[in-house]
Amino acid sequence: MLAALIPVPVSVSPLRRVPQLLVGLWLYGASMALQLRAGLGLEPWGVLHEGLTELTGFSFGLVTGLVGALVLLCWIPLRQRPGVGTVANVVVIGVAVDVTLAFLPGPTALLPRVLFLVAGIVLNGLAAATYIGARLGPGPRDGLTTGFCARTGTSVRLVRTVVEVVVLSAGWLLGGTIGVGTVLYAVAIGPLTQAFLPLVTWAGSRPAS
């Protein structure tokens, strides 16, 4: 997916990329909290997480982490190998969501809610580019899509569309919020992430021979 479009770092130590990974994942969780507080619609996986939160009574962040772990288990039959970033994705994003929600009050007026939504989507694009640019492993959901494509020969676009429609429908049936934010996210997140990638991607030069 987007991770395949960026250059692979050659001479940069993975340890130097870990801080970028963690910052990106934390900002990703914070961006989800902004969209949640806006109450104007979430992206497909967020709709599912919100629906499961309503069903179980667990916190949004805990549900996010549990779903990520379950998706990661689906990698086993697909023979996908997680990286450091994959495992960190499951843990850090969930914690970041709950911490941000604890300190971020939900606005009631429409204008602040719209601002929260727009800020959340833009921050989400930056955060996604930041952790993808660290090149330390895909997130569980991205790996599920690419792994299924590799095993079946199906296009990424088709698999991702089917997965997100199923996830969105399940989340809506469970009480998750679908709205203008869902549509705006779908339209904007790809271009935003692609625009931020050149700014945050590690791409060291090859060592001299």
N, C-alpha and C. Protein backbone atom coordinates (compact mmCIF):
# COMPACT_ATOMS: atom_id res chain seq x y z
N MET A 1 0.84 -1.18 0.00
CA MET A 1 0.00 0.00 0.00
C MET A 1 0.89 1.23 0.00
N LEU A 2 0.57 2.26 0.81
CA LEU A 2 1.40 3.47 0.78
C LEU A 2 2.83 3.16 1.16
N ALA A 3 3.01 2.20 2.07
CA ALA A 3 4.36 1.87 2.50
C ALA A 3 5.22 1.37 1.35
N ALA A 4 4.59 0.77 0.34
CA ALA A 4 5.35 0.26 -0.79
C ALA A 4 5.81 1.35 -1.73
N LEU A 5 5.30 2.55 -1.58
CA LEU A 5 5.62 3.65 -2.48
C LEU A 5 6.80 4.48 -2.02
N ILE A 6 7.36 4.18 -0.82
CA ILE A 6 8.44 5.00 -0.30
C ILE A 6 9.74 4.22 -0.33
N PRO A 7 10.87 4.90 -0.44
CA PRO A 7 12.15 4.22 -0.55
C PRO A 7 12.54 3.51 0.74
N VAL A 8 13.22 2.38 0.59
CA VAL A 8 13.66 1.61 1.76
C VAL A 8 14.96 2.21 2.29
N PRO A 9 15.03 2.55 3.59
CA PRO A 9 16.26 3.09 4.14
C PRO A 9 17.37 2.07 4.11
N VAL A 10 18.57 2.51 3.81
CA VAL A 10 19.68 1.58 3.67
C VAL A 10 20.67 1.70 4.81
N SER A 11 21.13 2.91 5.08
CA SER A 11 22.22 3.07 6.04
C SER A 11 21.77 3.61 7.39
N VAL A 12 20.48 3.79 7.59
CA VAL A 12 19.97 4.36 8.83
C VAL A 12 19.63 3.23 9.80
N SER A 13 20.18 3.28 11.00
CA SER A 13 19.93 2.26 12.01
C SER A 13 18.47 2.26 12.42
N PRO A 14 17.86 1.04 12.57
CA PRO A 14 16.48 0.97 13.04
C PRO A 14 16.26 1.68 14.37
N LEU A 15 17.30 1.67 15.24
CA LEU A 15 17.14 2.31 16.54
C LEU A 15 16.90 3.80 16.41
N ARG A 16 17.44 4.41 15.38
CA ARG A 16 17.23 5.84 15.17
C ARG A 16 15.82 6.13 14.65
N ARG A 17 15.16 5.09 14.14
CA ARG A 17 13.81 5.28 13.62
C ARG A 17 12.72 4.98 14.65
N VAL A 18 13.09 4.33 15.74
CA VAL A 18 12.10 3.97 16.76
C VAL A 18 11.39 5.20 17.34
N PRO A 19 12.11 6.28 17.71
CA PRO A 19 11.40 7.46 18.22
C PRO A 19 10.36 8.00 17.25
N GLN A 20 10.69 8.03 15.95
CA GLN A 20 9.72 8.49 14.96
C GLN A 20 8.51 7.57 14.93
N LEU A 21 8.75 6.28 15.00
CA LEU A 21 7.66 5.32 15.03
C LEU A 21 6.72 5.59 16.19
N LEU A 22 7.28 5.75 17.39
CA LEU A 22 6.46 5.94 18.59
C LEU A 22 5.69 7.26 18.54
N VAL A 23 6.34 8.32 18.05
CA VAL A 23 5.64 9.60 17.91
C VAL A 23 4.49 9.49 16.92
N GLY A 24 4.75 8.83 15.79
CA GLY A 24 3.71 8.66 14.80
C GLY A 24 2.51 7.88 15.33
N LEU A 25 2.77 6.80 16.05
CA LEU A 25 1.68 5.99 16.60
C LEU A 25 0.91 6.76 17.67
N TRP A 26 1.64 7.53 18.50
CA TRP A 26 0.95 8.31 19.53
C TRP A 26 0.05 9.37 18.89
N LEU A 27 0.57 10.06 17.88
CA LEU A 27 -0.24 11.07 17.19
C LEU A 27 -1.43 10.43 16.48
N TYR A 28 -1.25 9.22 16.01
CA TYR A 28 -2.36 8.51 15.36
C TYR A 28 -3.49 8.28 16.36
N GLY A 29 -3.12 7.83 17.55
CA GLY A 29 -4.13 7.63 18.59
C GLY A 29 -4.81 8.93 18.97
N ALA A 30 -4.02 10.02 19.08
CA ALA A 30 -4.59 11.32 19.41
C ALA A 30 -5.54 11.80 18.32
N SER A 31 -5.21 11.51 17.06
CA SER A 31 -6.07 11.92 15.96
C SER A 31 -7.40 11.17 15.99
N MET A 32 -7.36 9.92 16.40
CA MET A 32 -8.60 9.15 16.54
C MET A 32 -9.48 9.74 17.63
N ALA A 33 -8.85 10.17 18.72
CA ALA A 33 -9.61 10.78 19.82
C ALA A 33 -10.28 12.08 19.36
N LEU A 34 -9.59 12.88 18.56
CA LEU A 34 -10.18 14.12 18.04
C LEU A 34 -11.42 13.81 17.19
N GLN A 35 -11.30 12.83 16.32
CA GLN A 35 -12.43 12.46 15.48
C GLN A 35 -13.59 11.91 16.31
N LEU A 36 -13.26 11.17 17.34
CA LEU A 36 -14.28 10.61 18.21
C LEU A 36 -15.02 11.71 18.96
N ARG A 37 -14.28 12.68 19.49
CA ARG A 37 -14.89 13.79 20.21
C ARG A 37 -15.73 14.67 19.28
N ALA A 38 -15.37 14.73 18.00
CA ALA A 38 -16.15 15.53 17.05
C ALA A 38 -17.56 14.96 16.88
N GLY A 39 -17.69 13.64 16.94
CA GLY A 39 -18.99 13.01 16.85
C GLY A 39 -19.67 13.18 15.50
N LEU A 40 -18.89 13.33 14.45
CA LEU A 40 -19.45 13.57 13.11
C LEU A 40 -19.17 12.42 12.14
N GLY A 41 -18.75 11.30 12.68
CA GLY A 41 -18.47 10.14 11.84
C GLY A 41 -17.01 9.75 11.89
N LEU A 42 -16.77 8.47 11.94
CA LEU A 42 -15.42 7.93 12.06
C LEU A 42 -15.04 7.13 10.81
N GLU A 43 -13.75 6.85 10.69
CA GLU A 43 -13.33 5.97 9.60
C GLU A 43 -13.78 4.54 9.92
N PRO A 44 -13.78 3.63 8.92
CA PRO A 44 -14.40 2.31 9.10
C PRO A 44 -13.96 1.54 10.35
N TRP A 45 -12.66 1.44 10.60
CA TRP A 45 -12.22 0.71 11.77
C TRP A 45 -12.62 1.43 13.05
N GLY A 46 -12.63 2.77 13.02
CA GLY A 46 -13.08 3.53 14.18
C GLY A 46 -14.55 3.29 14.48
N VAL A 47 -15.36 3.15 13.43
CA VAL A 47 -16.79 2.84 13.61
C VAL A 47 -16.93 1.49 14.30
N LEU A 48 -16.13 0.51 13.87
CA LEU A 48 -16.17 -0.82 14.50
C LEU A 48 -15.73 -0.73 15.96
N HIS A 49 -14.65 0.00 16.23
CA HIS A 49 -14.16 0.14 17.60
C HIS A 49 -15.22 0.80 18.49
N GLU A 50 -15.87 1.83 17.97
CA GLU A 50 -16.89 2.51 18.76
C GLU A 50 -18.07 1.58 19.02
N GLY A 51 -18.47 0.82 18.01
CA GLY A 51 -19.57 -0.13 18.20
C GLY A 51 -19.24 -1.18 19.23
N LEU A 52 -18.02 -1.71 19.20
CA LEU A 52 -17.61 -2.71 20.18
C LEU A 52 -17.47 -2.10 21.57
N THR A 53 -17.10 -0.83 21.63
CA THR A 53 -17.05 -0.13 22.92
C THR A 53 -18.44 -0.06 23.54
N GLU A 54 -19.44 0.26 22.69
CA GLU A 54 -20.82 0.32 23.17
C GLU A 54 -21.29 -1.06 23.64
N LEU A 55 -20.86 -2.09 22.92
CA LEU A 55 -21.31 -3.45 23.24
C LEU A 55 -20.66 -3.99 24.51
N THR A 56 -19.37 -3.76 24.68
CA THR A 56 -18.62 -4.39 25.77
C THR A 56 -18.48 -3.52 27.02
N GLY A 57 -18.56 -2.20 26.84
CA GLY A 57 -18.29 -1.31 27.95
C GLY A 57 -16.81 -1.05 28.18
N PHE A 58 -15.95 -1.64 27.36
CA PHE A 58 -14.51 -1.39 27.46
C PHE A 58 -14.22 0.01 26.92
N SER A 59 -13.05 0.53 27.27
CA SER A 59 -12.65 1.82 26.74
C SER A 59 -12.36 1.70 25.24
N PHE A 60 -12.46 2.83 24.54
CA PHE A 60 -12.20 2.85 23.10
C PHE A 60 -10.77 2.39 22.81
N GLY A 61 -9.83 2.85 23.61
CA GLY A 61 -8.43 2.47 23.38
C GLY A 61 -8.20 0.99 23.60
N LEU A 62 -8.82 0.42 24.64
CA LEU A 62 -8.66 -1.01 24.90
C LEU A 62 -9.24 -1.83 23.76
N VAL A 63 -10.40 -1.42 23.28
CA VAL A 63 -11.01 -2.13 22.15
C VAL A 63 -10.11 -2.04 20.92
N THR A 64 -9.55 -0.86 20.69
CA THR A 64 -8.64 -0.68 19.55
C THR A 64 -7.46 -1.64 19.63
N GLY A 65 -6.87 -1.76 20.81
CA GLY A 65 -5.75 -2.68 20.99
C GLY A 65 -6.15 -4.14 20.84
N LEU A 66 -7.30 -4.51 21.40
CA LEU A 66 -7.76 -5.90 21.30
C LEU A 66 -8.07 -6.29 19.87
N VAL A 67 -8.72 -5.39 19.14
CA VAL A 67 -9.01 -5.67 17.73
C VAL A 67 -7.71 -5.80 16.95
N GLY A 68 -6.75 -4.91 17.23
CA GLY A 68 -5.45 -5.01 16.56
C GLY A 68 -4.77 -6.34 16.82
N ALA A 69 -4.87 -6.82 18.07
CA ALA A 69 -4.25 -8.11 18.41
C ALA A 69 -4.95 -9.27 17.69
N LEU A 70 -6.28 -9.20 17.61
CA LEU A 70 -7.03 -10.25 16.90
C LEU A 70 -6.70 -10.26 15.41
N VAL A 71 -6.60 -9.06 14.84
CA VAL A 71 -6.23 -8.98 13.43
C VAL A 71 -4.83 -9.54 13.22
N LEU A 72 -3.94 -9.28 14.16
CA LEU A 72 -2.57 -9.78 14.06
C LEU A 72 -2.54 -11.31 14.06
N LEU A 73 -3.44 -11.93 14.80
CA LEU A 73 -3.52 -13.39 14.79
C LEU A 73 -3.91 -13.92 13.41
N CYS A 74 -4.66 -13.12 12.67
CA CYS A 74 -5.05 -13.52 11.32
C CYS A 74 -3.86 -13.56 10.36
N TRP A 75 -2.74 -12.95 10.77
CA TRP A 75 -1.54 -13.00 9.95
C TRP A 75 -0.95 -14.41 9.88
N ILE A 76 -1.23 -15.24 10.89
CA ILE A 76 -0.58 -16.55 10.98
C ILE A 76 -0.88 -17.41 9.75
N PRO A 77 -2.16 -17.63 9.39
CA PRO A 77 -2.40 -18.44 8.18
C PRO A 77 -1.94 -17.75 6.89
N LEU A 78 -1.79 -16.42 6.94
CA LEU A 78 -1.32 -15.68 5.76
C LEU A 78 0.20 -15.65 5.67
N ARG A 79 0.87 -16.19 6.71
CA ARG A 79 2.33 -16.27 6.77
C ARG A 79 2.99 -14.89 6.67
N GLN A 80 2.36 -13.94 7.31
CA GLN A 80 2.93 -12.60 7.40
C GLN A 80 3.81 -12.51 8.65
N ARG A 81 4.88 -11.72 8.56
CA ARG A 81 5.79 -11.56 9.69
C ARG A 81 5.70 -10.14 10.23
N PRO A 82 5.34 -9.97 11.49
CA PRO A 82 5.25 -8.62 12.06
C PRO A 82 6.62 -8.03 12.33
N GLY A 83 6.68 -6.71 12.32
CA GLY A 83 7.90 -6.01 12.69
C GLY A 83 7.71 -5.33 14.03
N VAL A 84 8.72 -4.61 14.46
CA VAL A 84 8.63 -3.86 15.71
C VAL A 84 7.45 -2.90 15.66
N GLY A 85 7.29 -2.25 14.52
CA GLY A 85 6.21 -1.28 14.37
C GLY A 85 4.84 -1.92 14.43
N THR A 86 4.74 -3.17 14.01
CA THR A 86 3.45 -3.88 14.04
C THR A 86 2.99 -4.09 15.48
N VAL A 87 3.90 -4.58 16.30
CA VAL A 87 3.57 -4.82 17.71
C VAL A 87 3.31 -3.51 18.44
N ALA A 88 4.15 -2.52 18.18
CA ALA A 88 3.97 -1.21 18.81
C ALA A 88 2.64 -0.59 18.42
N ASN A 89 2.22 -0.82 17.19
CA ASN A 89 0.94 -0.31 16.71
C ASN A 89 -0.21 -0.78 17.60
N VAL A 90 -0.19 -2.05 17.96
CA VAL A 90 -1.27 -2.63 18.77
C VAL A 90 -1.33 -1.97 20.15
N VAL A 91 -0.17 -1.69 20.72
CA VAL A 91 -0.11 -1.20 22.11
C VAL A 91 -0.24 0.32 22.18
N VAL A 92 0.57 1.03 21.43
CA VAL A 92 0.71 2.48 21.61
C VAL A 92 -0.55 3.23 21.19
N ILE A 93 -1.14 2.87 20.08
CA ILE A 93 -2.31 3.62 19.60
C ILE A 93 -3.45 3.55 20.61
N GLY A 94 -3.71 2.36 21.14
CA GLY A 94 -4.79 2.22 22.11
C GLY A 94 -4.57 3.06 23.35
N VAL A 95 -3.35 3.05 23.86
CA VAL A 95 -3.03 3.86 25.04
C VAL A 95 -3.18 5.34 24.72
N ALA A 96 -2.69 5.75 23.55
CA ALA A 96 -2.77 7.16 23.17
C ALA A 96 -4.21 7.64 23.05
N VAL A 97 -5.08 6.80 22.51
CA VAL A 97 -6.50 7.17 22.39
C VAL A 97 -7.09 7.45 23.76
N ASP A 98 -6.90 6.52 24.69
CA ASP A 98 -7.52 6.67 26.01
C ASP A 98 -6.94 7.85 26.79
N VAL A 99 -5.63 8.06 26.69
CA VAL A 99 -5.01 9.19 27.39
C VAL A 99 -5.54 10.50 26.82
N THR A 100 -5.62 10.60 25.51
CA THR A 100 -6.11 11.83 24.89
C THR A 100 -7.57 12.08 25.23
N LEU A 101 -8.38 11.04 25.20
CA LEU A 101 -9.79 11.19 25.55
C LEU A 101 -9.96 11.66 27.00
N ALA A 102 -9.07 11.22 27.87
CA ALA A 102 -9.17 11.59 29.28
C ALA A 102 -8.94 13.08 29.50
N PHE A 103 -8.16 13.71 28.62
CA PHE A 103 -7.84 15.13 28.79
C PHE A 103 -8.51 16.03 27.76
N LEU A 104 -9.26 15.45 26.84
CA LEU A 104 -9.85 16.23 25.76
C LEU A 104 -11.37 16.25 25.90
N PRO A 105 -11.93 17.38 26.33
CA PRO A 105 -13.39 17.45 26.46
C PRO A 105 -14.06 17.47 25.09
N GLY A 106 -15.27 16.96 25.04
CA GLY A 106 -16.01 16.93 23.79
C GLY A 106 -16.81 18.21 23.61
N PRO A 107 -16.61 18.94 22.51
CA PRO A 107 -17.39 20.18 22.28
C PRO A 107 -18.83 19.85 21.93
N THR A 108 -19.72 20.80 22.18
CA THR A 108 -21.13 20.61 21.85
C THR A 108 -21.56 21.45 20.65
N ALA A 109 -20.96 22.62 20.47
CA ALA A 109 -21.30 23.48 19.34
C ALA A 109 -20.75 22.89 18.05
N LEU A 110 -21.43 23.17 16.94
CA LEU A 110 -21.07 22.56 15.67
C LEU A 110 -19.69 22.98 15.17
N LEU A 111 -19.36 24.28 15.27
CA LEU A 111 -18.09 24.75 14.73
C LEU A 111 -16.89 24.07 15.39
N PRO A 112 -16.83 24.03 16.72
CA PRO A 112 -15.70 23.30 17.34
C PRO A 112 -15.66 21.83 16.94
N ARG A 113 -16.81 21.22 16.77
CA ARG A 113 -16.83 19.82 16.36
C ARG A 113 -16.25 19.64 14.96
N VAL A 114 -16.60 20.57 14.07
CA VAL A 114 -16.04 20.52 12.71
C VAL A 114 -14.53 20.72 12.75
N LEU A 115 -14.07 21.65 13.58
CA LEU A 115 -12.63 21.89 13.72
C LEU A 115 -11.92 20.66 14.27
N PHE A 116 -12.54 20.01 15.24
CA PHE A 116 -11.97 18.78 15.80
C PHE A 116 -11.86 17.72 14.69
N LEU A 117 -12.91 17.61 13.89
CA LEU A 117 -12.92 16.61 12.81
C LEU A 117 -11.81 16.87 11.81
N VAL A 118 -11.72 18.10 11.33
CA VAL A 118 -10.70 18.45 10.34
C VAL A 118 -9.30 18.27 10.91
N ALA A 119 -9.09 18.74 12.14
CA ALA A 119 -7.78 18.59 12.78
C ALA A 119 -7.44 17.11 12.96
N GLY A 120 -8.44 16.31 13.32
CA GLY A 120 -8.20 14.88 13.52
C GLY A 120 -7.80 14.18 12.24
N ILE A 121 -8.45 14.52 11.13
CA ILE A 121 -8.14 13.88 9.85
C ILE A 121 -6.76 14.29 9.35
N VAL A 122 -6.46 15.59 9.45
CA VAL A 122 -5.14 16.06 9.01
C VAL A 122 -4.04 15.44 9.88
N LEU A 123 -4.25 15.43 11.19
CA LEU A 123 -3.26 14.83 12.09
C LEU A 123 -3.12 13.34 11.81
N ASN A 124 -4.21 12.68 11.46
CA ASN A 124 -4.17 11.27 11.14
C ASN A 124 -3.29 11.01 9.92
N GLY A 125 -3.42 11.88 8.92
CA GLY A 125 -2.59 11.73 7.74
C GLY A 125 -1.12 11.91 8.05
N LEU A 126 -0.79 12.92 8.87
CA LEU A 126 0.59 13.15 9.28
C LEU A 126 1.11 11.99 10.11
N ALA A 127 0.28 11.52 11.05
CA ALA A 127 0.70 10.42 11.92
C ALA A 127 0.94 9.14 11.14
N ALA A 128 0.05 8.84 10.20
CA ALA A 128 0.22 7.64 9.38
C ALA A 128 1.51 7.71 8.57
N ALA A 129 1.76 8.86 7.97
CA ALA A 129 3.00 9.03 7.20
C ALA A 129 4.22 8.89 8.10
N THR A 130 4.12 9.41 9.33
CA THR A 130 5.25 9.37 10.25
C THR A 130 5.61 7.95 10.65
N TYR A 131 4.62 7.14 11.00
CA TYR A 131 4.98 5.78 11.41
C TYR A 131 5.26 4.88 10.21
N ILE A 132 4.62 5.11 9.08
CA ILE A 132 4.96 4.36 7.88
C ILE A 132 6.38 4.70 7.44
N GLY A 133 6.72 6.00 7.52
CA GLY A 133 8.03 6.46 7.10
C GLY A 133 9.17 5.91 7.92
N ALA A 134 8.87 5.44 9.14
CA ALA A 134 9.91 4.83 9.97
C ALA A 134 10.33 3.46 9.44
N ARG A 135 9.50 2.84 8.61
CA ARG A 135 9.81 1.57 7.96
C ARG A 135 10.18 0.47 8.94
N LEU A 136 9.38 0.32 9.99
CA LEU A 136 9.65 -0.71 10.99
C LEU A 136 8.53 -1.74 11.09
N GLY A 137 7.73 -1.85 10.05
CA GLY A 137 6.68 -2.85 10.03
C GLY A 137 5.32 -2.23 9.83
N PRO A 138 4.44 -2.86 9.05
CA PRO A 138 3.10 -2.33 8.80
C PRO A 138 2.19 -2.52 10.01
N GLY A 139 1.11 -1.77 10.05
CA GLY A 139 0.10 -1.97 11.08
C GLY A 139 -0.63 -3.29 10.84
N PRO A 140 -1.28 -3.85 11.86
CA PRO A 140 -1.98 -5.13 11.71
C PRO A 140 -3.00 -5.13 10.58
N ARG A 141 -3.75 -4.04 10.42
CA ARG A 141 -4.81 -4.00 9.42
C ARG A 141 -4.24 -3.92 8.01
N ASP A 142 -3.18 -3.13 7.83
CA ASP A 142 -2.53 -3.06 6.52
C ASP A 142 -1.90 -4.40 6.15
N GLY A 143 -1.26 -5.04 7.12
CA GLY A 143 -0.65 -6.33 6.87
C GLY A 143 -1.67 -7.40 6.52
N LEU A 144 -2.85 -7.32 7.12
CA LEU A 144 -3.93 -8.26 6.78
C LEU A 144 -4.30 -8.13 5.32
N THR A 145 -4.44 -6.88 4.86
CA THR A 145 -4.82 -6.64 3.47
C THR A 145 -3.74 -7.13 2.50
N THR A 146 -2.50 -6.71 2.73
CA THR A 146 -1.43 -7.09 1.81
C THR A 146 -1.16 -8.59 1.86
N GLY A 147 -1.30 -9.20 3.04
CA GLY A 147 -1.10 -10.63 3.16
C GLY A 147 -2.14 -11.42 2.40
N PHE A 148 -3.38 -10.99 2.48
CA PHE A 148 -4.45 -11.67 1.76
C PHE A 148 -4.25 -11.51 0.26
N CYS A 149 -3.82 -10.33 -0.15
CA CYS A 149 -3.56 -10.11 -1.58
C CYS A 149 -2.45 -11.02 -2.08
N ALA A 150 -1.39 -11.15 -1.29
CA ALA A 150 -0.26 -11.98 -1.69
C ALA A 150 -0.65 -13.45 -1.80
N ARG A 151 -1.54 -13.90 -0.93
CA ARG A 151 -1.94 -15.31 -0.94
C ARG A 151 -2.95 -15.64 -2.02
N THR A 152 -3.76 -14.66 -2.40
CA THR A 152 -4.87 -14.94 -3.34
C THR A 152 -4.65 -14.32 -4.72
N GLY A 153 -3.74 -13.37 -4.83
CA GLY A 153 -3.54 -12.70 -6.10
C GLY A 153 -4.58 -11.64 -6.41
N THR A 154 -5.39 -11.31 -5.41
CA THR A 154 -6.43 -10.29 -5.56
C THR A 154 -5.80 -8.91 -5.43
N SER A 155 -6.40 -7.92 -6.08
CA SER A 155 -5.85 -6.56 -6.03
C SER A 155 -6.02 -5.97 -4.64
N VAL A 156 -5.07 -5.10 -4.27
CA VAL A 156 -5.13 -4.43 -2.97
C VAL A 156 -6.40 -3.59 -2.87
N ARG A 157 -6.74 -2.89 -3.94
CA ARG A 157 -7.92 -2.02 -3.91
C ARG A 157 -9.18 -2.81 -3.60
N LEU A 158 -9.34 -3.98 -4.25
CA LEU A 158 -10.54 -4.78 -4.05
C LEU A 158 -10.59 -5.32 -2.63
N VAL A 159 -9.47 -5.89 -2.16
CA VAL A 159 -9.44 -6.47 -0.81
C VAL A 159 -9.69 -5.40 0.24
N ARG A 160 -9.04 -4.25 0.11
CA ARG A 160 -9.22 -3.20 1.10
C ARG A 160 -10.66 -2.69 1.10
N THR A 161 -11.24 -2.55 -0.09
CA THR A 161 -12.62 -2.08 -0.17
C THR A 161 -13.56 -3.06 0.52
N VAL A 162 -13.40 -4.35 0.23
CA VAL A 162 -14.27 -5.36 0.84
C VAL A 162 -14.12 -5.37 2.35
N VAL A 163 -12.87 -5.35 2.83
CA VAL A 163 -12.61 -5.38 4.27
C VAL A 163 -13.24 -4.17 4.95
N GLU A 164 -13.05 -2.99 4.38
CA GLU A 164 -13.56 -1.78 5.02
C GLU A 164 -15.08 -1.69 4.97
N VAL A 165 -15.69 -2.20 3.91
CA VAL A 165 -17.15 -2.22 3.85
C VAL A 165 -17.70 -3.16 4.92
N VAL A 166 -17.09 -4.32 5.07
CA VAL A 166 -17.53 -5.27 6.09
C VAL A 166 -17.35 -4.70 7.49
N VAL A 167 -16.18 -4.11 7.73
CA VAL A 167 -15.88 -3.51 9.04
C VAL A 167 -16.84 -2.37 9.34
N LEU A 168 -17.06 -1.50 8.35
CA LEU A 168 -17.95 -0.36 8.53
C LEU A 168 -19.38 -0.81 8.81
N SER A 169 -19.85 -1.81 8.08
CA SER A 169 -21.21 -2.31 8.27
C SER A 169 -21.37 -2.93 9.65
N ALA A 170 -20.39 -3.73 10.07
CA ALA A 170 -20.45 -4.35 11.39
C ALA A 170 -20.44 -3.30 12.48
N GLY A 171 -19.58 -2.30 12.34
CA GLY A 171 -19.53 -1.24 13.34
C GLY A 171 -20.81 -0.45 13.42
N TRP A 172 -21.41 -0.16 12.28
CA TRP A 172 -22.68 0.59 12.26
C TRP A 172 -23.80 -0.21 12.93
N LEU A 173 -23.85 -1.51 12.66
CA LEU A 173 -24.86 -2.36 13.28
C LEU A 173 -24.69 -2.43 14.80
N LEU A 174 -23.46 -2.26 15.26
CA LEU A 174 -23.18 -2.29 16.70
C LEU A 174 -23.36 -0.93 17.37
N GLY A 175 -23.65 0.11 16.57
CA GLY A 175 -23.90 1.42 17.14
C GLY A 175 -22.81 2.44 16.90
N GLY A 176 -21.83 2.12 16.04
CA GLY A 176 -20.78 3.07 15.71
C GLY A 176 -21.32 4.23 14.88
N THR A 177 -20.58 5.35 14.89
CA THR A 177 -21.05 6.57 14.26
C THR A 177 -20.55 6.69 12.82
N ILE A 178 -21.50 6.76 11.88
CA ILE A 178 -21.21 7.04 10.48
C ILE A 178 -21.77 8.41 10.16
N GLY A 179 -20.99 9.23 9.47
CA GLY A 179 -21.46 10.57 9.14
C GLY A 179 -20.57 11.23 8.12
N VAL A 180 -20.62 12.55 8.09
CA VAL A 180 -19.83 13.30 7.13
C VAL A 180 -18.34 13.07 7.34
N GLY A 181 -17.93 12.83 8.59
CA GLY A 181 -16.54 12.55 8.87
C GLY A 181 -16.06 11.27 8.21
N THR A 182 -16.93 10.28 8.10
CA THR A 182 -16.59 9.02 7.45
C THR A 182 -16.25 9.26 5.98
N VAL A 183 -17.08 10.06 5.33
CA VAL A 183 -16.88 10.36 3.91
C VAL A 183 -15.64 11.23 3.72
N LEU A 184 -15.50 12.26 4.56
CA LEU A 184 -14.35 13.16 4.45
C LEU A 184 -13.04 12.40 4.66
N TYR A 185 -13.03 11.51 5.62
CA TYR A 185 -11.84 10.70 5.87
C TYR A 185 -11.48 9.87 4.65
N ALA A 186 -12.49 9.21 4.08
CA ALA A 186 -12.24 8.34 2.92
C ALA A 186 -11.65 9.12 1.75
N VAL A 187 -12.11 10.35 1.57
CA VAL A 187 -11.65 11.17 0.45
C VAL A 187 -10.26 11.76 0.71
N ALA A 188 -10.01 12.18 1.95
CA ALA A 188 -8.82 12.98 2.23
C ALA A 188 -7.61 12.21 2.71
N ILE A 189 -7.80 11.05 3.34
CA ILE A 189 -6.68 10.44 4.05
C ILE A 189 -5.57 9.97 3.11
N GLY A 190 -5.91 9.45 1.96
CA GLY A 190 -4.89 9.01 1.02
C GLY A 190 -4.00 10.15 0.54
N PRO A 191 -4.59 11.22 -0.03
CA PRO A 191 -3.78 12.35 -0.46
C PRO A 191 -2.98 13.00 0.67
N LEU A 192 -3.57 13.10 1.86
CA LEU A 192 -2.85 13.71 2.97
C LEU A 192 -1.63 12.88 3.36
N THR A 193 -1.82 11.59 3.50
CA THR A 193 -0.70 10.73 3.88
C THR A 193 0.40 10.77 2.83
N GLN A 194 0.01 10.72 1.57
CA GLN A 194 0.99 10.75 0.49
C GLN A 194 1.75 12.07 0.48
N ALA A 195 1.06 13.16 0.79
CA ALA A 195 1.71 14.48 0.80
C ALA A 195 2.73 14.60 1.93
N PHE A 196 2.44 13.96 3.08
CA PHE A 196 3.34 14.05 4.23
C PHE A 196 4.52 13.08 4.14
N LEU A 197 4.38 11.99 3.38
CA LEU A 197 5.41 10.95 3.36
C LEU A 197 6.82 11.46 3.01
N PRO A 198 6.98 12.30 1.99
CA PRO A 198 8.34 12.76 1.67
C PRO A 198 9.00 13.55 2.80
N LEU A 199 8.20 14.10 3.70
CA LEU A 199 8.75 14.92 4.77
C LEU A 199 9.25 14.11 5.95
N VAL A 200 8.78 12.87 6.07
CA VAL A 200 9.07 12.09 7.28
C VAL A 200 9.66 10.72 7.01
N THR A 201 9.98 10.42 5.77
CA THR A 201 10.47 9.08 5.42
C THR A 201 11.98 8.98 5.58
N TRP A 202 12.41 7.94 6.29
CA TRP A 202 13.84 7.66 6.38
C TRP A 202 14.29 7.05 5.07
N ALA A 203 15.29 7.61 4.45
CA ALA A 203 15.83 7.07 3.20
C ALA A 203 17.31 7.41 3.13
N GLY A 204 18.10 6.70 3.91
CA GLY A 204 19.53 6.99 3.95
C GLY A 204 20.23 6.60 2.66
N SER A 205 21.31 7.24 2.40
CA SER A 205 22.09 6.91 1.20
C SER A 205 22.90 5.65 1.44
N ARG A 206 23.21 4.95 0.37
CA ARG A 206 24.00 3.73 0.49
C ARG A 206 25.44 4.07 0.91
N PRO A 207 26.00 3.26 1.79
CA PRO A 207 27.38 3.52 2.19
C PRO A 207 28.33 3.38 1.02
N ALA A 208 29.38 4.17 1.02
CA ALA A 208 30.35 4.10 -0.08
C ALA A 208 31.08 2.78 -0.03
N SER A 209 31.31 2.20 -1.22
CA SER A 209 31.98 0.90 -1.28
C SER A 209 33.49 1.08 -1.42
